[in-house]
C-alpha atoms as a PDB file:
ATOM      1  CA  SER A   1      -1.228  39.950 -27.513  1.00  0.00           C
ATOM      2  CA  ALA A   2      -0.931  38.325 -24.077  1.00  0.00           C
ATOM      3  CA  ILE A   3      -4.567  37.276 -24.209  1.00  0.00           C
ATOM      4  CA  THR A   4      -4.166  35.639 -27.614  1.00  0.00           C
ATOM      5  CA  ASP A   5      -1.040  33.846 -26.394  1.00  0.00           C
ATOM      6  CA  MET A   6      -2.959  32.627 -23.358  1.00  0.00           C
ATOM      7  CA  GLN A   7      -5.872  31.518 -25.549  1.00  0.00           C
ATOM      8  CA  ALA A   8      -3.484  29.646 -27.855  1.00  0.00           C
ATOM      9  CA  TYR A   9      -1.957  27.944 -24.822  1.00  0.00           C
ATOM     10  CA  MET A  10      -5.381  26.972 -23.490  1.00  0.00           C
ATOM     11  CA  ASP A  11      -6.345  25.645 -26.933  1.00  0.00           C
ATOM     12  CA  MET A  12      -3.164  23.573 -26.991  1.00  0.00           C
ATOM     13  CA  LEU A  13      -4.038  22.082 -23.584  1.00  0.00           C
ATOM     14  CA  ASN A  14      -7.588  21.245 -24.655  1.00  0.00           C
ATOM     15  CA  PRO A  15      -7.412  18.883 -27.671  1.00  0.00           C
ATOM     16  CA  ASP A  16     -11.125  19.274 -28.450  1.00  0.00           C
ATOM     17  CA  VAL A  17     -10.683  22.981 -29.149  1.00  0.00           C
ATOM     18  CA  ALA A  18      -7.284  22.561 -30.791  1.00  0.00           C
ATOM     19  CA  ASP A  19      -8.799  20.396 -33.553  1.00  0.00           C
ATOM     20  CA  GLY A  20     -11.307  23.125 -34.248  1.00  0.00           C
ATOM     21  CA  SER A  21     -14.204  20.686 -34.023  1.00  0.00           C
ATOM     22  CA  GLN A  22     -16.838  21.843 -31.590  1.00  0.00           C
ATOM     23  CA  ASN A  23     -18.870  18.661 -32.186  1.00  0.00           C
ATOM     24  CA  SER A  24     -16.320  16.385 -30.591  1.00  0.00           C
ATOM     25  CA  LYS A  25     -18.800  15.582 -27.819  1.00  0.00           C
ATOM     26  CA  GLU A  26     -21.187  14.123 -30.401  1.00  0.00           C
ATOM     27  CA  HIS A  27     -18.496  11.767 -31.741  1.00  0.00           C
ATOM     28  CA  PRO A  28     -16.722  10.251 -28.757  1.00  0.00           C
ATOM     29  CA  ALA A  29     -13.343   8.694 -29.360  1.00  0.00           C
ATOM     30  CA  HIS A  30     -13.312   4.926 -29.684  1.00  0.00           C
ATOM     31  CA  LEU A  31     -12.051   3.657 -26.358  1.00  0.00           C
ATOM     32  CA  PRO A  32     -10.746   0.137 -25.861  1.00  0.00           C
ATOM     33  CA  PRO A  33     -13.075  -2.170 -23.946  1.00  0.00           C
ATOM     34  CA  PRO A  34     -12.562  -2.238 -20.197  1.00  0.00           C
ATOM     35  CA  PRO A  35     -10.259  -5.017 -18.980  1.00  0.00           C
ATOM     36  CA  THR A  36     -11.897  -8.166 -17.743  1.00  0.00           C
ATOM     37  CA  PHE A  37     -10.813  -9.166 -14.275  1.00  0.00           C
ATOM     38  CA  PRO A  38     -11.674 -12.450 -12.591  1.00  0.00           C
ATOM     39  CA  PRO A  39     -14.440 -12.165 -10.009  1.00  0.00           C
ATOM     40  CA  PRO A  40     -13.238 -11.502  -6.475  1.00  0.00           C
ATOM     41  CA  PRO A  41     -13.099 -14.483  -4.140  1.00  0.00           C
ATOM     42  CA  PRO A  42     -16.057 -14.930  -1.811  1.00  0.00           C
ATOM     43  CA  PRO A  43     -15.652 -13.288   1.582  1.00  0.00           C
ATOM     44  CA  SER A  44     -14.033 -15.639   4.018  1.00  0.00           C
ATOM     45  CA  ASN A  45     -14.997 -16.158   7.623  1.00  0.00           C
ATOM     46  CA  SER A  46     -13.145 -13.662   9.804  1.00  0.00           C
ATOM     47  CA  SER A  47     -12.637 -16.334  12.470  1.00  0.00           C
ATOM     48  CA  HIS A  48     -11.107 -18.758   9.970  1.00  0.00           C
ATOM     49  CA  ILE A  49      -7.426 -18.115   9.234  1.00  0.00           C
ATOM     50  CA  PRO A  50      -6.314 -19.440   5.845  1.00  0.00           C
ATOM     51  CA  PRO A  51      -3.420 -21.895   5.892  1.00  0.00           C
ATOM     52  CA  PRO A  52       0.007 -20.547   4.936  1.00  0.00           C
ATOM     53  CA  PRO A  53       1.138 -21.044   1.344  1.00  0.00           C
ATOM     54  CA  PRO A  54       2.841 -24.406   0.766  1.00  0.00           C
ATOM     55  CA  ALA A  55       6.116 -22.757  -0.288  1.00  0.00           C
ATOM     56  CA  PHE A  56       6.820 -21.595   3.260  1.00  0.00           C
ATOM     57  CA  PRO A  57       7.817 -24.035   6.004  1.00  0.00           C
ATOM     58  CA  PRO A  58       5.643 -24.023   9.127  1.00  0.00           C
ATOM     59  CA  PRO A  59       6.962 -21.921  12.007  1.00  0.00           C
ATOM     60  CA  LYS A  60       8.902 -23.761  14.666  1.00  0.00           C
ATOM     61  CA  PRO A  61       7.337 -23.870  18.123  1.00  0.00           C
ATOM     62  CA  PRO A  62       9.218 -21.924  20.803  1.00  0.00           C
ATOM     63  CA  GLU A  63      11.822 -23.872  22.702  1.00  0.00           C
ATOM     64  CA  GLU A  64      10.737 -24.803  26.212  1.00  0.00           C
ATOM     65  CA  GLN A  65      14.258 -25.407  27.499  1.00  0.00           C
ATOM     66  CA  VAL A  66      16.055 -22.288  28.720  1.00  0.00           C
ATOM     67  CA  SER A  67      19.729 -22.184  27.808  1.00  0.00           C
ATOM     68  CA  ALA A  68      22.440 -21.706  30.426  1.00  0.00           C
ATOM     69  CA  GLU A  69      23.637 -18.557  28.641  1.00  0.00           C
ATOM     70  CA  TYR A  70      20.168 -17.018  28.925  1.00  0.00           C
ATOM     71  CA  LEU A  71      20.035 -17.704  32.652  1.00  0.00           C
ATOM     72  CA  LYS A  72      23.534 -16.234  33.123  1.00  0.00           C
ATOM     73  CA  VAL A  73      22.634 -13.029  31.299  1.00  0.00           C
ATOM     74  CA  LYS A  74      19.298 -12.755  33.101  1.00  0.00           C
ATOM     75  CA  ARG A  75      20.998 -13.059  36.502  1.00  0.00           C
ATOM     76  CA  ASN A  76      23.381 -10.210  35.626  1.00  0.00           C
ATOM     77  CA  LEU A  77      20.551  -7.818  34.751  1.00  0.00           C
ATOM     78  CA  ARG A  78      19.647  -5.254  37.347  1.00  0.00           C
ATOM     79  CA  ARG A  79      16.489  -3.266  37.851  1.00  0.00           C
ATOM     80  CA  VAL A  80      16.571   0.465  37.105  1.00  0.00           C
ATOM     81  CA  ASP A  81      14.089   2.645  38.950  1.00  0.00           C
ATOM     82  CA  ASN A  82      12.403   5.357  36.902  1.00  0.00           C
ATOM     83  CA  ASP A  83      12.748   7.844  39.779  1.00  0.00           C
ATOM     84  CA  VAL A  84      16.547   7.830  39.473  1.00  0.00           C
ATOM     85  CA  VAL A  85      16.362   8.456  35.729  1.00  0.00           C
ATOM     86  CA  LYS A  86      13.911  11.370  36.173  1.00  0.00           C
ATOM     87  CA  LYS A  87      16.152  13.153  38.707  1.00  0.00           C
ATOM     88  CA  GLU A  88      19.066  13.284  36.254  1.00  0.00           C
END
């Protein structure tokens, strides 16, 4: 009983056997044609960087002038030795 139940389950999982046609390999199902994709672009030079897309603005160059706030904050920074941190 358990074996027949298992065989029925296996037949249900395998549609070729479930149809009762053992010659299903001789008559393959009609599959749709494979999709047609455009050919891949030719490989580009690794040293040549492509330009950014026109939708994005070009990046701004870094500012050369240092602000007064930056200098004030930098002066208030203090160096922390790693030896002091390791002892704690």
